[in-house]
Protein backbone atom coordinates (compact mmCIF):
# COMPACT_ATOMS: atom_id res chain seq x y z
CA UNK A 1 6.91 -61.65 11.48
CA UNK A 2 4.71 -64.20 9.43
CA UNK A 3 6.18 -67.97 9.04
CA UNK A 4 6.71 -67.35 5.27
CA UNK A 5 8.61 -64.24 5.52
CA UNK A 6 11.87 -63.89 3.80
CA UNK A 7 14.96 -63.34 5.97
CA UNK A 8 18.44 -62.41 4.76
CA UNK A 9 21.38 -64.04 6.72
CA UNK A 10 24.99 -63.65 5.99
CA UNK A 11 27.45 -66.81 6.36
CA UNK A 12 28.24 -65.95 10.05
CA UNK A 13 24.65 -65.69 10.98
CA UNK A 14 23.95 -68.73 8.92
CA UNK A 15 26.48 -70.70 11.18
CA UNK A 16 24.94 -69.48 14.29
CA UNK A 17 21.39 -70.45 13.03
CA UNK A 18 22.47 -74.21 12.44
CA UNK A 19 24.03 -74.34 15.95
CA UNK A 20 21.23 -72.53 17.85
CA UNK A 21 18.65 -74.90 15.88
CA UNK A 22 20.70 -77.82 17.39
CA UNK A 23 20.32 -76.44 20.87
CA UNK A 24 16.64 -76.12 20.67
CA UNK A 25 15.81 -79.15 18.43
CA UNK A 26 18.50 -81.69 19.06
CA UNK A 27 19.53 -81.07 22.69
CA UNK A 28 22.99 -79.66 22.27
CA UNK A 29 24.68 -78.39 25.31
CA UNK A 30 24.88 -74.41 25.39
CA UNK A 31 28.50 -74.94 26.52
CA UNK A 32 29.41 -77.11 23.57
CA UNK A 33 27.54 -74.48 21.37
CA UNK A 34 29.49 -71.62 22.69
CA UNK A 35 32.79 -73.38 22.03
CA UNK A 36 31.80 -73.93 18.40
CA UNK A 37 30.68 -70.06 18.09
CA UNK A 38 33.43 -68.88 20.09
CA UNK A 39 30.93 -66.95 22.34
CA UNK A 40 29.97 -67.15 26.09
CA UNK A 41 27.37 -69.46 27.32
CA UNK A 42 25.06 -66.43 28.45
CA UNK A 43 25.42 -65.15 24.86
CA UNK A 44 24.43 -68.79 23.55
CA UNK A 45 21.21 -68.41 25.82
CA UNK A 46 20.27 -65.25 24.91
CA UNK A 47 20.51 -66.14 21.14
CA UNK A 48 18.40 -69.31 21.98
CA UNK A 49 15.55 -67.37 23.53
CA UNK A 50 15.30 -64.81 20.40
CA UNK A 51 15.28 -67.80 18.21
CA UNK A 52 12.19 -69.40 20.03
CA UNK A 53 10.67 -65.77 20.25
CA UNK A 54 11.14 -64.78 16.44
CA UNK A 55 12.82 -67.73 14.72
CA UNK A 56 15.56 -67.25 12.19
CA UNK A 57 14.91 -63.37 12.21
CA UNK A 58 15.83 -63.22 15.72
CA UNK A 59 19.49 -64.07 14.92
CA UNK A 60 19.92 -61.29 12.26
CA UNK A 61 22.05 -58.36 13.80
CA UNK A 62 19.84 -55.48 14.92
CA UNK A 63 22.41 -52.85 13.56
CA UNK A 64 21.55 -53.66 10.06
CA UNK A 65 20.51 -50.75 8.08
CA UNK A 66 21.49 -48.41 11.05
CA UNK A 67 23.94 -45.66 10.80
CA UNK A 68 27.58 -46.46 12.65
CA UNK A 69 27.70 -44.75 15.94
CA UNK A 70 31.21 -43.34 14.84
CA UNK A 71 30.41 -42.08 11.55
CA UNK A 72 31.52 -38.46 10.99
CA UNK A 73 28.91 -35.57 11.11
CA UNK A 74 27.24 -34.72 7.84
CA UNK A 75 29.52 -32.30 6.05
CA UNK A 76 32.50 -32.64 8.34
CA UNK A 77 34.53 -34.75 6.07
CA UNK A 78 33.88 -32.33 3.21
CA UNK A 79 34.81 -29.43 5.27
CA UNK A 80 38.17 -30.98 6.35
CA UNK A 81 38.81 -32.00 2.99
CA UNK A 82 38.28 -28.68 1.54
CA UNK A 83 40.58 -27.09 4.24
CA UNK A 84 43.24 -29.50 3.45
CA UNK A 85 43.11 -28.56 -0.09
CA UNK A 86 43.28 -24.99 0.47
CA UNK A 87 45.92 -24.81 3.25
CA UNK A 88 47.73 -28.12 3.57
CA UNK A 89 47.93 -29.85 0.20
CA UNK A 90 51.46 -30.92 0.99
CA UNK A 91 51.14 -31.98 4.43
CA UNK A 92 51.32 -35.52 5.51
CA UNK A 93 48.29 -36.98 7.26
CA UNK A 94 49.66 -36.71 10.98
CA UNK A 95 50.74 -33.07 10.47
CA UNK A 96 47.31 -32.39 8.87
CA UNK A 97 45.42 -33.81 11.67
CA UNK A 98 47.25 -31.73 14.14
CA UNK A 99 46.73 -28.52 12.02
CA UNK A 100 43.17 -29.20 11.73
CA UNK A 101 42.72 -29.85 15.50
CA UNK A 102 44.79 -26.71 16.54
CA UNK A 103 43.57 -24.13 14.00
CA UNK A 104 40.11 -25.26 13.13
CA UNK A 105 38.98 -27.17 16.10
CA UNK A 106 38.12 -30.29 13.99
CA UNK A 107 38.99 -33.33 15.95
CA UNK A 108 39.50 -36.20 13.54
CA UNK A 109 41.65 -39.39 14.00
CA UNK A 110 44.84 -39.76 11.84
CA UNK A 111 43.76 -42.49 10.09
CA UNK A 112 40.42 -40.84 9.06
CA UNK A 113 42.44 -38.14 7.58
CA UNK A 114 44.78 -40.41 5.82
CA UNK A 115 41.64 -42.21 4.25
CA UNK A 116 40.12 -38.82 3.07
CA UNK A 117 43.60 -37.70 1.60
CA UNK A 118 44.19 -40.93 -0.28
CA UNK A 119 40.67 -40.91 -1.60
CA UNK A 120 41.31 -37.39 -2.76
CA UNK A 121 44.69 -38.16 -4.15
CA UNK A 122 46.57 -35.75 -1.91
CA UNK A 123 48.44 -38.59 -0.25
CA UNK A 124 49.97 -41.66 -1.72
CA UNK A 125 50.52 -44.44 0.88
CA UNK A 126 53.93 -46.12 0.91
CA UNK A 127 52.64 -49.41 -0.71
CA UNK A 128 51.67 -47.68 -3.85
CA UNK A 129 54.65 -45.58 -4.26
CA UNK A 130 57.42 -46.30 -6.66
CA UNK A 131 60.53 -47.94 -5.06
CA UNK A 132 63.56 -45.67 -4.59
CA UNK A 133 66.33 -46.36 -7.01
CA UNK A 134 69.83 -46.13 -6.05
CA UNK A 135 71.99 -45.91 -9.06
CA UNK A 136 75.66 -46.96 -8.55
CA UNK A 137 78.23 -44.37 -7.98
CA UNK A 138 81.45 -44.31 -10.00
CA UNK A 139 84.34 -45.35 -7.99
CA UNK A 140 86.85 -42.43 -6.97
CA UNK A 141 90.08 -42.15 -9.30
CA UNK A 142 92.84 -42.24 -6.95
CA UNK A 143 93.85 -44.54 -3.99
CA UNK A 144 93.42 -42.71 -0.76
CA UNK A 145 90.96 -40.30 -2.15
CA UNK A 146 87.77 -41.67 -0.39
CA UNK A 147 87.95 -44.18 2.48
CA UNK A 148 84.59 -45.69 3.72
CA UNK A 149 84.54 -46.97 7.29
CA UNK A 150 82.09 -48.79 9.35
CA UNK A 151 81.52 -51.38 12.13
CA UNK A 152 80.05 -54.95 11.86
CA UNK A 153 78.46 -56.32 15.10
CA UNK A 154 78.57 -60.04 14.47
CA UNK A 155 79.29 -63.45 16.07
CA UNK A 156 82.79 -63.25 14.80
CA UNK A 157 84.00 -66.17 16.77
CA UNK A 158 80.73 -68.17 16.62
CA UNK A 159 80.07 -69.87 20.07
CA UNK A 160 83.54 -69.80 21.21
CA UNK A 161 83.46 -66.12 22.56
CA UNK A 162 80.59 -63.48 22.86
CA UNK A 163 79.46 -60.97 20.05
CA UNK A 164 82.06 -58.24 19.26
CA UNK A 165 82.45 -55.46 16.63
CA UNK A 166 84.74 -55.63 13.53
CA UNK A 167 85.75 -51.89 12.37
CA UNK A 168 86.40 -51.92 8.47
CA UNK A 169 88.28 -49.38 6.45
CA UNK A 170 87.73 -49.88 2.66
CA UNK A 171 89.23 -47.79 0.01
CA UNK A 172 86.54 -46.73 -2.61
CA UNK A 173 88.89 -46.53 -5.62
CA UNK A 174 90.32 -50.12 -5.13
CA UNK A 175 87.89 -51.83 -2.91
CA UNK A 176 91.12 -52.59 -0.75
CA UNK A 177 90.78 -53.45 2.91
CA UNK A 178 92.95 -50.83 4.74
CA UNK A 179 92.12 -51.81 8.41
CA UNK A 180 90.56 -54.68 10.34
CA UNK A 181 90.18 -53.85 13.93
CA UNK A 182 88.15 -56.17 16.32
CA UNK A 183 86.82 -54.20 19.23
CA UNK A 184 83.88 -54.58 22.03
CA UNK A 185 81.60 -52.21 20.72
CA UNK A 186 81.83 -48.94 18.38
CA UNK A 187 82.97 -46.20 20.21
CA UNK A 188 85.25 -43.07 19.92
CA UNK A 189 88.33 -44.57 21.26
CA UNK A 190 87.87 -47.76 19.29
CA UNK A 191 87.71 -45.76 16.24
CA UNK A 192 90.92 -43.69 17.36
CA UNK A 193 92.73 -47.04 17.63
CA UNK A 194 91.92 -48.20 14.03
CA UNK A 195 92.47 -44.66 12.60
CA UNK A 196 95.91 -44.21 14.29
CA UNK A 197 96.92 -47.74 12.77
CA UNK A 198 95.52 -46.35 9.33
CA UNK A 199 97.57 -43.23 9.59
CA UNK A 200 100.81 -44.71 10.74
CA UNK A 201 100.82 -47.14 7.84
CA UNK A 202 99.36 -45.29 4.90
CA UNK A 203 99.30 -41.63 5.88
CA UNK A 204 96.47 -39.20 5.94
CA UNK A 205 93.58 -39.96 3.37
CA UNK A 206 91.47 -37.08 1.56
CA UNK A 207 88.37 -37.95 3.34
CA UNK A 208 86.41 -40.78 5.49
CA UNK A 209 82.93 -41.73 4.56
CA UNK A 210 80.77 -42.97 7.41
CA UNK A 211 77.19 -43.38 8.28
CA UNK A 212 75.24 -41.33 10.83
CA UNK A 213 76.32 -43.11 14.08
CA UNK A 214 76.78 -40.94 17.21
CA UNK A 215 80.64 -41.31 16.84
CA UNK A 216 80.58 -39.31 13.42
CA UNK A 217 77.30 -37.12 13.55
CA UNK A 218 76.39 -35.45 17.01
CA UNK A 219 72.68 -35.33 17.75
CA UNK A 220 70.73 -31.82 17.67
CA UNK A 221 70.73 -30.00 20.91
CA UNK A 222 67.50 -28.35 22.27
CA UNK A 223 68.15 -25.31 20.73
CA UNK A 224 68.77 -27.06 17.33
CA UNK A 225 72.39 -26.51 17.08
CA UNK A 226 74.52 -29.04 15.75
CA UNK A 227 78.14 -29.13 17.37
CA UNK A 228 81.05 -31.68 16.37
CA UNK A 229 82.10 -35.21 17.64
CA UNK A 230 85.40 -36.01 19.10
CA UNK A 231 86.17 -37.83 15.95
CA UNK A 232 85.27 -35.03 13.70
CA UNK A 233 87.36 -32.83 15.75
CA UNK A 234 90.55 -34.84 15.45
CA UNK A 235 89.91 -35.29 11.64
CA UNK A 236 89.64 -31.53 11.37
CA UNK A 237 92.97 -31.14 13.03
CA UNK A 238 94.30 -33.53 10.76
CA UNK A 239 93.00 -31.90 7.67
CA UNK A 240 90.94 -34.98 6.81
CA UNK A 241 87.47 -34.25 5.42
CA UNK A 242 84.51 -36.33 6.84
CA UNK A 243 81.20 -37.34 5.22
CA UNK A 244 78.04 -38.96 6.39
CA UNK A 245 76.06 -41.39 4.27
CA UNK A 246 72.11 -40.80 4.01
CA UNK A 247 71.69 -44.60 3.13
CA UNK A 248 73.48 -47.75 3.42
CA UNK A 249 73.46 -48.11 -0.45
CA UNK A 250 75.64 -44.99 -0.45
CA UNK A 251 78.45 -46.69 1.16
CA UNK A 252 77.90 -49.89 -0.55
CA UNK A 253 81.50 -51.04 -0.77
CA UNK A 254 82.07 -51.35 2.90
CA UNK A 255 78.63 -53.08 3.25
CA UNK A 256 79.35 -55.46 0.57
CA UNK A 257 82.60 -56.22 2.24
CA UNK A 258 80.80 -57.05 5.64
CA UNK A 259 78.94 -59.84 3.89
CA UNK A 260 82.00 -61.28 2.47
CA UNK A 261 83.85 -61.12 5.72
CA UNK A 262 81.12 -62.71 7.65
CA UNK A 263 81.32 -65.52 5.54
CA UNK A 264 85.17 -66.06 4.87
CA UNK A 265 86.69 -64.30 7.86
CA UNK A 266 84.38 -66.26 10.54
CA UNK A 267 85.52 -69.59 8.73
CA UNK A 268 89.17 -68.63 8.74
CA UNK A 269 89.06 -67.62 12.52
CA UNK A 270 87.49 -71.15 13.10
CA UNK A 271 90.06 -73.08 11.16
CA UNK A 272 92.67 -71.39 13.14
CA UNK A 273 90.97 -71.66 16.69
CA UNK A 274 91.12 -68.01 17.14
CA UNK A 275 88.53 -66.99 19.81
CA UNK A 276 90.12 -63.90 21.26
CA UNK A 277 90.11 -60.04 20.07
CA UNK A 278 93.77 -59.98 20.67
CA UNK A 279 94.47 -62.99 18.33
CA UNK A 280 92.10 -62.06 15.95
CA UNK A 281 93.93 -58.40 15.55
CA UNK A 282 97.09 -60.18 15.51
CA UNK A 283 95.97 -62.26 12.15
CA UNK A 284 94.05 -59.61 10.56
CA UNK A 285 97.06 -58.03 8.42
CA UNK A 286 97.67 -61.70 7.13
CA UNK A 287 93.86 -61.99 6.07
CA UNK A 288 94.06 -58.56 4.54
CA UNK A 289 96.81 -59.51 2.31
CA UNK A 290 95.06 -62.60 0.93
CA UNK A 291 91.70 -60.74 0.64
CA UNK A 292 93.27 -57.79 -1.15
CA UNK A 293 95.32 -59.99 -3.70
CA UNK A 294 91.87 -61.82 -4.50
CA UNK A 295 89.38 -58.89 -4.59
CA UNK A 296 91.10 -55.69 -4.77
CA UNK A 297 90.85 -53.75 -8.04
CA UNK A 298 93.46 -51.42 -9.89
CA UNK A 299 92.67 -47.55 -9.56
CA UNK A 300 91.94 -45.58 -12.81
CA UNK A 301 94.87 -43.11 -11.83
CA UNK A 302 98.37 -44.30 -10.30
CA UNK A 303 98.44 -41.33 -8.15
CA UNK A 304 98.51 -41.85 -4.44
CA UNK A 305 96.30 -39.43 -2.75
CA UNK A 306 97.69 -40.17 0.64
CA UNK A 307 99.54 -37.23 2.44
CA UNK A 308 102.06 -38.05 4.99
CA UNK A 309 102.07 -37.07 8.66
CA UNK A 310 103.43 -33.52 9.48
CA UNK A 311 106.08 -33.09 12.10
CA UNK A 312 103.60 -31.25 14.36
CA UNK A 313 100.89 -34.03 13.86
CA UNK A 314 101.03 -35.33 17.42
CA UNK A 315 98.61 -38.30 17.37
CA UNK A 316 98.96 -38.91 21.25
CA UNK A 317 97.21 -35.41 21.66
CA UNK A 318 94.83 -35.26 18.65
CA UNK A 319 93.42 -38.65 18.96
CA UNK A 320 91.87 -38.04 22.42
CA UNK A 321 88.74 -36.98 24.02
CA UNK A 322 88.98 -33.14 24.52
CA UNK A 323 86.33 -31.41 26.79
CA UNK A 324 86.33 -27.50 27.84
CA UNK A 325 85.83 -27.10 31.64
CA UNK A 326 85.81 -23.99 33.78
CA UNK A 327 87.95 -23.39 36.76
CA UNK A 328 85.73 -22.62 39.82
CA UNK A 329 87.03 -19.98 42.46
CA UNK A 330 88.40 -22.67 44.80
CA UNK A 331 90.84 -23.73 42.00
CA UNK A 332 88.87 -27.01 41.16
CA UNK A 333 87.94 -28.54 37.68
CA UNK A 334 85.12 -31.20 37.63
CA UNK A 335 84.82 -34.06 34.96
CA UNK A 336 83.32 -37.17 34.92
CA UNK A 337 82.13 -36.88 38.77
CA UNK A 338 85.60 -36.44 39.52
CA UNK A 339 87.07 -33.25 41.02
CA UNK A 340 90.55 -32.24 40.11
CA UNK A 341 92.06 -29.77 42.67
CA UNK A 342 94.85 -27.36 41.23
CA UNK A 343 97.78 -26.23 43.01
CA UNK A 344 97.32 -22.75 44.53
CA UNK A 345 99.83 -20.70 42.49
CA UNK A 346 99.67 -17.23 41.10
CA UNK A 347 99.51 -18.78 37.55
CA UNK A 348 96.72 -21.09 38.41
CA UNK A 349 94.71 -17.98 40.14
CA UNK A 350 94.87 -16.42 37.00
CA UNK A 351 92.66 -19.18 35.40
CA UNK A 352 89.93 -18.67 37.67
CA UNK A 353 86.37 -18.67 35.91
CA UNK A 354 88.41 -19.31 32.60
CA UNK A 355 87.91 -22.27 30.50
CA UNK A 356 90.54 -25.16 29.96
CA UNK A 357 90.91 -28.29 28.19
CA UNK A 358 90.54 -31.98 29.83
CA UNK A 359 92.08 -34.70 27.76
CA UNK A 360 91.11 -38.02 28.12
CA UNK A 361 93.26 -40.49 26.53
CA UNK A 362 92.56 -43.89 25.06
CA UNK A 363 94.27 -45.70 27.89
CA UNK A 364 92.18 -43.98 30.57
CA UNK A 365 94.61 -41.04 31.48
CA UNK A 366 93.29 -37.58 32.45
CA UNK A 367 95.10 -34.59 31.96
CA UNK A 368 94.22 -30.88 32.40
CA UNK A 369 96.21 -28.68 29.64
CA UNK A 370 96.11 -25.15 29.01
CA UNK A 371 98.20 -23.24 26.42
CA UNK A 372 99.67 -26.86 25.39
CA UNK A 373 101.07 -27.69 29.05
CA UNK A 374 99.74 -30.05 31.43
CA UNK A 375 98.87 -28.85 34.79
CA UNK A 376 99.60 -30.82 38.03
CA UNK A 377 96.42 -31.60 39.94
CA UNK A 378 94.97 -33.98 42.56
CA UNK A 379 92.04 -35.97 41.94
CA UNK A 380 89.24 -36.40 44.19
CA UNK A 381 86.83 -38.93 42.92
CA UNK A 382 82.99 -38.49 44.17
CA UNK A 383 82.47 -42.09 43.40
CA UNK A 384 85.04 -43.48 45.51
CA UNK A 385 84.21 -46.82 47.46
CA UNK A 386 85.21 -48.37 50.87
CA UNK A 387 86.51 -51.94 50.37
CA UNK A 388 85.59 -54.68 52.99
CA UNK A 389 89.36 -54.84 54.29
CA UNK A 390 88.94 -51.30 55.56
CA UNK A 391 85.71 -52.40 57.38
CA UNK A 392 87.59 -55.38 58.86
CA UNK A 393 90.96 -53.57 60.05
CA UNK A 394 89.41 -50.74 61.58
CA UNK A 395 87.73 -51.83 64.69
CA UNK A 396 86.42 -48.90 66.36
CA UNK A 397 85.38 -47.39 63.05
CA UNK A 398 83.59 -50.55 61.83
CA UNK A 399 80.17 -49.44 62.24
CA UNK A 400 80.71 -46.28 60.66
CA UNK A 401 82.70 -47.74 57.67
CA UNK A 402 79.86 -50.45 57.37
CA UNK A 403 77.31 -47.73 57.28
CA UNK A 404 79.17 -45.93 54.31
CA UNK A 405 79.28 -49.25 52.53
CA UNK A 406 75.67 -49.85 52.64
CA UNK A 407 75.19 -46.32 51.49
CA UNK A 408 77.42 -46.49 48.60
CA UNK A 409 75.98 -49.83 47.63
CA UNK A 410 72.86 -48.05 46.98
CA UNK A 411 74.23 -45.12 45.04
CA UNK A 412 74.03 -44.51 41.50
CA UNK A 413 77.59 -45.04 40.61
CA UNK A 414 77.43 -44.56 36.59
CA UNK A 415 79.82 -41.96 35.05
CA UNK A 416 78.63 -39.18 32.82
CA UNK A 417 76.96 -40.02 29.75
CA UNK A 418 78.98 -37.72 27.51
CA UNK A 419 82.50 -39.32 28.01
CA UNK A 420 83.27 -41.91 25.91
CA UNK A 421 83.07 -45.53 27.02
CA UNK A 422 85.87 -47.62 27.89
CA UNK A 423 85.01 -51.01 26.20
CA UNK A 424 88.27 -50.73 24.51
CA UNK A 425 89.99 -51.30 27.81
CA UNK A 426 87.69 -54.25 28.59
CA UNK A 427 84.94 -52.41 30.38
CA UNK A 428 81.36 -53.30 30.00
CA UNK A 429 79.19 -51.10 28.04
CA UNK A 430 77.79 -48.01 30.11
CA UNK A 431 74.45 -48.83 30.98
CA UNK A 432 71.69 -46.16 29.70
CA UNK A 433 69.52 -46.54 32.81
CA UNK A 434 70.60 -46.91 36.38
CA UNK A 435 69.82 -49.95 38.41
CA UNK A 436 66.81 -50.58 40.10
CA UNK A 437 67.03 -49.56 43.79
CA UNK A 438 69.87 -46.86 43.13
CA UNK A 439 69.50 -43.23 43.71
CA UNK A 440 71.74 -40.12 43.21
CA UNK A 441 73.23 -38.14 46.14
CA UNK A 442 70.54 -35.68 46.29
CA UNK A 443 67.88 -38.29 46.74
CA UNK A 444 69.71 -39.38 50.14
CA UNK A 445 66.93 -38.36 52.70
CA UNK A 446 67.19 -38.39 56.30
CA UNK A 447 64.55 -40.99 56.67
CA UNK A 448 66.72 -43.40 54.29
CA UNK A 449 69.70 -42.82 56.47
CA UNK A 450 67.86 -43.55 59.64
CA UNK A 451 66.77 -46.90 58.06
CA UNK A 452 70.39 -48.03 56.94
CA UNK A 453 71.59 -46.98 60.49
CA UNK A 454 68.87 -49.24 62.03
CA UNK A 455 69.64 -51.93 59.59
CA UNK A 456 73.47 -51.93 60.15
CA UNK A 457 72.95 -51.60 63.74
CA UNK A 458 70.70 -54.78 64.08
CA UNK A 459 73.24 -56.69 61.77
CA UNK A 460 76.31 -55.60 64.19
CA UNK A 461 74.33 -56.53 67.17
CA UNK A 462 73.43 -59.94 65.66
CA UNK A 463 77.21 -60.67 65.13
CA UNK A 464 78.20 -59.72 68.45
CA UNK A 465 75.81 -62.07 70.12
CA UNK A 466 77.00 -64.79 67.93
CA UNK A 467 80.50 -64.18 68.93
CA UNK A 468 81.69 -66.59 71.72
CA UNK A 469 82.94 -65.19 74.85
CA UNK A 470 86.43 -65.68 75.77
């Protein structure tokens, strides 16, 4: 290039030119130049060599004017866009990209397909879509016609106690607080306790309106079928309809009640020095009375839609977790890693290979019932543990019991995930993943058992050597 040639530089290349000139002409150290440009010292040295060889033109990007290495082949974008117009005009970019790859062997990234569809007007990005408008829904006319229920996890006791959940029942027609129930987490048994308090005080409403939590709406199975939750089954037996909202604004009355409660109720609990769930539940009726006197609205109709409980509505049996189990040929029923042994009678033998119901009550009791009667049984817990006292008391069996204790410490002792949690009884929430280092019973190998035997034997020998002789 001759000295008077015209060179076009962008701002980034111009900044590099000034720094490289300082290195060549003013003695700037390559390390300081690398810090200013955000490059390595070796890259600065290469730029200096190119500047000395070609001048300012040596700092121009050598990719300028060349085609990108990642550009699509000629006609590929037009072909893909034509296929999308013809066969997949209402598909989203992700699904359209999958179909192009599966059915037409056209490999393109999802972002490339999205860009092509946006340019062709086949896809509107979310930032350019019109906002969804949720118009307000008119209140129900009668008191008890629709009750919105939801849980709010919040620091209700501030720093005086851990975070807990408040279950809130709000009447849609009047915005009255019907039930306030403090609990550890949102669980089936917690909602059973709050619903029982509601039914015993007001009667049965026409319908409950909730979100899509797993307590109210079961997840799809692998076959795509949808079952029914324990809460839904109990409400069906009580002839109470249940609806799940598609969005939070749909149940806006209880959502707005959460905001008010998180402001007023937290301060009221602070003023009264309440820092336990039991004390908060005892104070809840007084707070609800003051809240309803301040914020409740009169209904359009004076008719009370609540229905009284019938004589055959046994809440003790309805508000339970009910699971069908099959009787084995040896008269056993297995539930939640516990084997229940039935008595060997003629009546029980007729139940072999048939299904009966296992009732789990909110207080933790387990009953096996058939035809409305409870069957006597003997539980055998597969997760039973050996305590330290048994190891100390049994001198001759001490090493064997200690071996069993070490093995059970490495056991995955979680209960079945399908059973309701016991947070309403003060238990910690059930972990979703098992602890590191634990294993189930099928993972116990002979090598692992031998390692435990050697470890416990070494510990026992060491303790014997430390024991002074008499």
